[in-house]
Amino acid sequence: MILSLAAIGGVSFILALPGVITPGPLLTLTITESLRRGFIAGPFIILGHALLELVLVIAIVNGTKSRNSGPF
């Protein structure tokens, strides 16, 4: 159980790293919305991004589970 949680954490870290290192659309959205709405925009953007990454990690984990449970 602990190993699988560590694997999920590692995969999510690797998936998130390029988005954190490279400035892009999320940074532009954060700047624009924080100028428009103030401080409250930050937590909403973080929540939306976290939910998107959670869905991606779940999809990847489910994909690897189905791939590993086959006869090959």
C-alpha atoms as a PDB file:
ATOM      1  CA  MET A   1       0.000   0.000   0.000  1.00  0.00           C
ATOM      2  CA  ILE A   2       2.750   2.483   0.913  1.00  0.00           C
ATOM      3  CA  LEU A   3       4.712   1.636  -2.213  1.00  0.00           C
ATOM      4  CA  SER A   4       1.700   2.225  -4.424  1.00  0.00           C
ATOM      5  CA  LEU A   5       1.029   5.585  -2.737  1.00  0.00           C
ATOM      6  CA  ALA A   6       4.655   6.529  -3.315  1.00  0.00           C
ATOM      7  CA  ALA A   7       4.310   5.536  -6.970  1.00  0.00           C
ATOM      8  CA  ILE A   8       1.183   7.651  -7.355  1.00  0.00           C
ATOM      9  CA  GLY A   9       2.962  10.578  -5.718  1.00  0.00           C
ATOM     10  CA  GLY A  10       5.958  10.144  -7.999  1.00  0.00           C
ATOM     11  CA  VAL A  11       3.831   9.983 -11.131  1.00  0.00           C
ATOM     12  CA  SER A  12       1.858  13.065 -10.140  1.00  0.00           C
ATOM     13  CA  PHE A  13       5.104  14.918  -9.377  1.00  0.00           C
ATOM     14  CA  ILE A  14       6.545  14.040 -12.776  1.00  0.00           C
ATOM     15  CA  LEU A  15       3.310  15.058 -14.526  1.00  0.00           C
ATOM     16  CA  ALA A  16       3.139  18.377 -12.689  1.00  0.00           C
ATOM     17  CA  LEU A  17       6.799  19.350 -13.023  1.00  0.00           C
ATOM     18  CA  PRO A  18       6.733  20.718 -16.592  1.00  0.00           C
ATOM     19  CA  GLY A  19       3.708  22.868 -15.773  1.00  0.00           C
ATOM     20  CA  VAL A  20       5.447  24.334 -12.761  1.00  0.00           C
ATOM     21  CA  ILE A  21       8.769  25.003 -14.453  1.00  0.00           C
ATOM     22  CA  THR A  22       7.493  26.498 -17.711  1.00  0.00           C
ATOM     23  CA  PRO A  23       5.422  29.678 -17.623  1.00  0.00           C
ATOM     24  CA  GLY A  24       2.372  29.271 -19.789  1.00  0.00           C
ATOM     25  CA  PRO A  25      -1.390  29.546 -19.951  1.00  0.00           C
ATOM     26  CA  LEU A  26      -1.968  28.814 -16.265  1.00  0.00           C
ATOM     27  CA  LEU A  27       0.367  31.631 -15.237  1.00  0.00           C
ATOM     28  CA  THR A  28      -1.385  33.984 -17.658  1.00  0.00           C
ATOM     29  CA  LEU A  29      -4.773  32.949 -16.285  1.00  0.00           C
ATOM     30  CA  THR A  30      -3.571  33.424 -12.706  1.00  0.00           C
ATOM     31  CA  ILE A  31      -2.264  36.926 -13.387  1.00  0.00           C
ATOM     32  CA  THR A  32      -5.346  37.966 -15.351  1.00  0.00           C
ATOM     33  CA  GLU A  33      -7.865  36.618 -12.856  1.00  0.00           C
ATOM     34  CA  SER A  34      -6.009  37.928  -9.816  1.00  0.00           C
ATOM     35  CA  LEU A  35      -6.031  41.409 -11.352  1.00  0.00           C
ATOM     36  CA  ARG A  36      -9.732  41.049 -12.103  1.00  0.00           C
ATOM     37  CA  ARG A  37     -11.002  39.301  -8.949  1.00  0.00           C
ATOM     38  CA  GLY A  38      -8.259  39.773  -6.388  1.00  0.00           C
ATOM     39  CA  PHE A  39      -6.928  37.216  -3.926  1.00  0.00           C
ATOM     40  CA  ILE A  40      -9.874  34.800  -4.228  1.00  0.00           C
ATOM     41  CA  ALA A  41      -8.859  33.865  -7.794  1.00  0.00           C
ATOM     42  CA  GLY A  42      -5.735  32.064  -6.569  1.00  0.00           C
ATOM     43  CA  PRO A  43      -7.435  29.376  -4.471  1.00  0.00           C
ATOM     44  CA  PHE A  44     -10.005  28.709  -7.203  1.00  0.00           C
ATOM     45  CA  ILE A  45      -7.304  28.278  -9.849  1.00  0.00           C
ATOM     46  CA  ILE A  46      -5.323  25.982  -7.549  1.00  0.00           C
ATOM     47  CA  LEU A  47      -8.418  23.894  -6.822  1.00  0.00           C
ATOM     48  CA  GLY A  48      -9.292  23.548 -10.507  1.00  0.00           C
ATOM     49  CA  HIS A  49      -5.740  22.594 -11.417  1.00  0.00           C
ATOM     50  CA  ALA A  50      -5.537  20.058  -8.595  1.00  0.00           C
ATOM     51  CA  LEU A  51      -8.808  18.428  -9.665  1.00  0.00           C
ATOM     52  CA  LEU A  52      -7.579  18.154 -13.238  1.00  0.00           C
ATOM     53  CA  GLU A  53      -4.331  16.524 -12.120  1.00  0.00           C
ATOM     54  CA  LEU A  54      -6.210  14.152  -9.825  1.00  0.00           C
ATOM     55  CA  VAL A  55      -8.331  12.982 -12.760  1.00  0.00           C
ATOM     56  CA  LEU A  56      -5.185  12.480 -14.869  1.00  0.00           C
ATOM     57  CA  VAL A  57      -3.434  10.470 -12.137  1.00  0.00           C
ATOM     58  CA  ILE A  58      -6.519   8.284 -11.613  1.00  0.00           C
ATOM     59  CA  ALA A  59      -6.742   7.669 -15.370  1.00  0.00           C
ATOM     60  CA  ILE A  60      -3.057   6.733 -15.548  1.00  0.00           C
ATOM     61  CA  VAL A  61      -3.284   4.423 -12.537  1.00  0.00           C
ATOM     62  CA  ASN A  62      -6.397   2.727 -13.925  1.00  0.00           C
ATOM     63  CA  GLY A  63      -4.712   2.359 -17.300  1.00  0.00           C
ATOM     64  CA  THR A  64      -1.641   0.716 -15.798  1.00  0.00           C
ATOM     65  CA  LYS A  65      -3.785  -1.564 -13.647  1.00  0.00           C
ATOM     66  CA  SER A  66      -5.720  -2.856 -16.638  1.00  0.00           C
ATOM     67  CA  ARG A  67      -2.487  -3.271 -18.581  1.00  0.00           C
ATOM     68  CA  ASN A  68      -0.842  -5.241 -15.774  1.00  0.00           C
ATOM     69  CA  SER A  69      -3.808  -7.535 -15.183  1.00  0.00           C
ATOM     70  CA  GLY A  70      -3.741  -8.967 -18.730  1.00  0.00           C
ATOM     71  CA  PRO A  71      -2.202 -12.299 -19.752  1.00  0.00           C
ATOM     72  CA  PHE A  72       0.930 -10.692 -21.228  1.00  0.00           C
END
